[in-house]
Amino acid sequence: MTPNLQIELRRFISSNVVSKLNKFYFENDALLIKGIDVSIGTILMGLYNRAEESGFYKELTTLIADDSTFYQEVDFTSGRILSVDDCYRIEGNALLKGIFTEKKGRISEMISNEVGIKSETAREILNFSALLVVSYLKNNIQLLDSLKLLLEEQKREILNSIQPGIKIILGFSCYEAVEDKNQSMGRSIFTLFGHNFFSF
């Protein structure tokens, strides 16, 4: 079965994870969730932009060691992050540099501005999201061969989760994907993450 990457990654963002992250940042919960969702979409489109580079995806997953703190804290079978500490502040940096090169700072600032969270929060949840996405791919290494096609198929939905300013930095038109108005009216920030947001 072909995985929907955003849905699969959102499963890991439970209310427990949000609560633990917010001990570091003291943001509004809804804005923090929105920031993580935007960051996940941004990372996925950053990977999409590197799809033509032979061996890039495999090389990126090798940057996460099997014994890295973050990787060991993720239970991929149950879709849970078992513990949240600040290891991602360091471990995510190399991944972001690999994906975005010199655009990393501009992207985190735009997430801060567009979502309405502090600059520090935006920088660090982008690190967190990079680690989550690449750790997921490392654990599902068989997806790498078809990742380009998956991202192409899911590009519209992913772009719809990213604000216009971020799209432009990533090289996409802010009008490239527009969500149907009726769908947009029916969505809330809480339903993005399904029932898992309310489970501990």
Protein backbone atom coordinates (compact mmCIF):
# COMPACT_ATOMS: atom_id res chain seq x y z
CA MET A 1 0.00 0.00 0.00
CA THR A 2 1.34 3.44 -0.94
CA PRO A 3 1.80 5.57 2.19
CA ASN A 4 0.54 9.13 2.41
CA LEU A 5 3.71 10.69 3.80
CA GLN A 6 2.08 13.58 5.62
CA ILE A 7 -0.51 11.39 7.30
CA GLU A 8 2.13 8.86 8.31
CA LEU A 9 4.37 11.56 9.80
CA ARG A 10 1.53 13.35 11.58
CA ARG A 11 0.79 10.14 13.49
CA PHE A 12 3.89 10.77 15.57
CA ILE A 13 2.71 14.19 16.80
CA SER A 14 0.54 13.22 19.76
CA SER A 15 -0.71 15.56 22.49
CA ASN A 16 2.05 14.15 24.69
CA VAL A 17 4.74 15.19 22.19
CA VAL A 18 3.23 18.67 21.83
CA SER A 19 3.07 19.07 25.61
CA LYS A 20 6.72 18.04 26.04
CA LEU A 21 7.91 20.30 23.23
CA ASN A 22 6.04 23.21 24.72
CA LYS A 23 8.00 22.89 27.94
CA PHE A 24 10.87 24.34 25.89
CA TYR A 25 8.96 27.01 23.93
CA PHE A 26 5.79 28.11 25.77
CA GLU A 27 3.83 28.61 22.55
CA ASN A 28 0.11 28.28 21.99
CA ASP A 29 -0.51 24.54 21.41
CA ALA A 30 -2.47 25.10 18.20
CA LEU A 31 0.28 27.32 16.74
CA LEU A 32 2.97 24.81 17.71
CA ILE A 33 1.04 22.03 15.96
CA LYS A 34 0.60 24.23 12.91
CA GLY A 35 4.32 25.06 12.93
CA ILE A 36 5.26 21.37 13.03
CA ASP A 37 2.82 20.56 10.23
CA VAL A 38 4.21 23.36 8.07
CA SER A 39 7.76 22.24 8.87
CA ILE A 40 7.03 18.63 7.86
CA GLY A 41 5.56 19.82 4.56
CA THR A 42 8.53 22.13 4.02
CA ILE A 43 11.01 19.28 4.58
CA LEU A 44 9.11 17.03 2.15
CA MET A 45 9.14 19.70 -0.56
CA GLY A 46 12.82 20.31 0.13
CA LEU A 47 13.39 16.62 -0.57
CA TYR A 48 11.27 16.91 -3.71
CA ASN A 49 13.61 19.65 -4.94
CA ARG A 50 16.61 17.33 -4.59
CA ALA A 51 14.98 14.35 -6.33
CA GLU A 52 17.16 14.59 -9.44
CA GLU A 53 20.40 14.28 -7.48
CA SER A 54 21.50 10.68 -7.71
CA GLY A 55 21.99 9.02 -4.34
CA PHE A 56 20.96 12.12 -2.34
CA TYR A 57 18.18 10.45 -0.37
CA LYS A 58 20.32 7.48 0.63
CA GLU A 59 23.21 9.74 1.57
CA LEU A 60 20.87 11.86 3.73
CA THR A 61 19.62 8.85 5.71
CA THR A 62 23.22 7.85 6.48
CA LEU A 63 23.59 11.10 8.43
CA ILE A 64 21.39 9.53 11.12
CA ALA A 65 23.32 6.89 13.06
CA ASP A 66 21.45 3.84 14.29
CA ASP A 67 22.42 4.79 17.84
CA SER A 68 21.48 8.47 17.55
CA THR A 69 19.40 9.70 20.48
CA PHE A 70 16.41 10.81 18.43
CA TYR A 71 16.26 7.71 16.25
CA GLN A 72 16.23 5.45 19.30
CA GLU A 73 13.37 7.42 20.83
CA VAL A 74 10.99 6.76 17.90
CA ASP A 75 8.76 3.68 17.94
CA PHE A 76 8.00 3.33 14.24
CA THR A 77 5.72 0.32 14.71
CA SER A 78 3.25 2.11 16.97
CA GLY A 79 3.80 5.57 15.49
CA ARG A 80 4.99 7.11 18.74
CA ILE A 81 7.87 9.26 19.90
CA LEU A 82 8.73 7.74 23.26
CA SER A 83 10.68 10.61 24.73
CA VAL A 84 11.27 14.24 23.80
CA ASP A 85 14.46 15.97 24.81
CA ASP A 86 16.52 18.66 23.13
CA CYS A 87 18.81 16.33 21.15
CA TYR A 88 17.16 17.46 17.89
CA ARG A 89 18.60 20.95 18.34
CA ILE A 90 21.98 19.52 17.36
CA GLU A 91 21.12 16.36 15.42
CA GLY A 92 18.84 18.12 12.93
CA ASN A 93 21.34 20.76 11.79
CA ALA A 94 23.30 18.61 9.36
CA LEU A 95 20.09 17.36 7.75
CA LEU A 96 18.76 20.88 7.19
CA LYS A 97 22.06 22.01 5.70
CA GLY A 98 21.98 19.03 3.37
CA ILE A 99 18.40 19.67 2.24
CA PHE A 100 18.27 23.46 2.07
CA THR A 101 21.94 24.59 2.06
CA GLU A 102 21.93 28.38 2.48
CA LYS A 103 18.12 28.71 2.59
CA LYS A 104 17.76 27.19 6.06
CA GLY A 105 17.74 30.48 7.97
CA ARG A 106 15.33 32.20 5.58
CA ILE A 107 12.93 29.26 5.74
CA SER A 108 12.82 29.14 9.55
CA GLU A 109 12.26 32.91 9.71
CA MET A 110 9.41 32.64 7.21
CA ILE A 111 7.82 29.82 9.25
CA SER A 112 8.06 32.09 12.30
CA ASN A 113 6.40 34.97 10.45
CA GLU A 114 3.73 32.96 8.65
CA VAL A 115 2.69 30.76 11.59
CA GLY A 116 3.09 33.33 14.35
CA ILE A 117 5.64 31.59 16.59
CA LYS A 118 8.98 32.77 17.96
CA SER A 119 12.05 32.59 15.70
CA GLU A 120 13.79 30.20 18.09
CA THR A 121 10.77 27.90 18.11
CA ALA A 122 10.59 27.89 14.30
CA ARG A 123 14.31 27.05 13.99
CA GLU A 124 14.11 24.17 16.40
CA ILE A 125 10.85 22.58 15.25
CA LEU A 126 12.32 22.66 11.72
CA ASN A 127 15.25 20.66 13.14
CA PHE A 128 12.79 18.35 14.90
CA SER A 129 10.75 17.85 11.72
CA ALA A 130 13.86 17.15 9.63
CA LEU A 131 14.91 14.44 12.07
CA LEU A 132 11.42 12.94 12.12
CA VAL A 133 11.09 12.85 8.31
CA VAL A 134 14.57 11.46 7.63
CA SER A 135 14.33 8.97 10.52
CA TYR A 136 11.05 7.72 9.05
CA LEU A 137 12.73 7.26 5.66
CA LYS A 138 15.71 5.54 7.25
CA ASN A 139 13.36 3.08 8.96
CA ASN A 140 11.43 2.59 5.71
CA ILE A 141 14.49 2.44 3.47
CA GLN A 142 12.51 0.61 0.76
CA LEU A 143 10.65 3.87 0.08
CA LEU A 144 13.77 5.64 -1.17
CA ASP A 145 13.58 4.12 -4.66
CA SER A 146 10.02 5.38 -5.12
CA LEU A 147 10.28 8.57 -3.04
CA LYS A 148 10.51 10.88 -6.05
CA LEU A 149 7.27 9.43 -7.47
CA LEU A 150 5.54 9.54 -4.06
CA LEU A 151 6.42 13.20 -3.61
CA GLU A 152 5.28 14.00 -7.14
CA GLU A 153 1.93 12.30 -6.53
CA GLN A 154 1.43 14.03 -3.16
CA LYS A 155 2.94 17.38 -4.13
CA ARG A 156 -0.37 19.24 -4.38
CA GLU A 157 -1.56 18.21 -0.93
CA ILE A 158 1.83 18.95 0.62
CA LEU A 159 2.03 22.40 -0.96
CA ASN A 160 -1.43 23.17 0.37
CA SER A 161 -0.06 22.81 3.90
CA ILE A 162 2.66 25.41 3.29
CA GLN A 163 2.15 29.18 3.39
CA PRO A 164 2.86 31.29 0.26
CA GLY A 165 6.06 32.89 1.54
CA ILE A 166 7.62 29.51 2.27
CA LYS A 167 6.56 28.15 -1.13
CA ILE A 168 8.31 31.04 -2.84
CA ILE A 169 11.59 30.42 -0.95
CA LEU A 170 11.36 26.76 -1.99
CA GLY A 171 10.97 27.79 -5.62
CA PHE A 172 7.23 27.21 -6.08
CA SER A 173 4.60 29.71 -7.11
CA CYS A 174 2.34 30.68 -4.23
CA TYR A 175 -0.58 29.85 -6.57
CA GLU A 176 0.80 26.46 -7.61
CA ALA A 177 -1.58 24.50 -5.38
CA VAL A 178 -4.81 25.98 -4.07
CA GLU A 179 -7.07 23.97 -1.82
CA ASP A 180 -10.72 23.73 -2.72
CA LYS A 181 -12.64 26.35 -0.73
CA ASN A 182 -15.15 23.87 0.68
CA GLN A 183 -12.37 21.57 1.90
CA SER A 184 -10.55 24.48 3.43
CA MET A 185 -13.62 25.63 5.36
CA GLY A 186 -14.06 22.15 6.79
CA ARG A 187 -10.54 21.66 8.03
CA SER A 188 -9.25 22.64 11.45
CA ILE A 189 -5.80 22.58 12.89
CA PHE A 190 -6.79 19.75 15.20
CA THR A 191 -8.18 17.40 12.58
CA LEU A 192 -4.88 17.59 10.72
CA PHE A 193 -3.46 15.09 13.14
CA GLY A 194 -6.46 12.80 13.53
CA HIS A 195 -7.37 11.08 16.78
CA ASN A 196 -3.72 10.62 17.78
CA PHE A 197 -3.50 14.26 18.94
CA PHE A 198 -5.89 13.44 21.75
CA SER A 199 -4.16 10.23 22.85
CA PHE A 200 -1.31 9.85 25.30
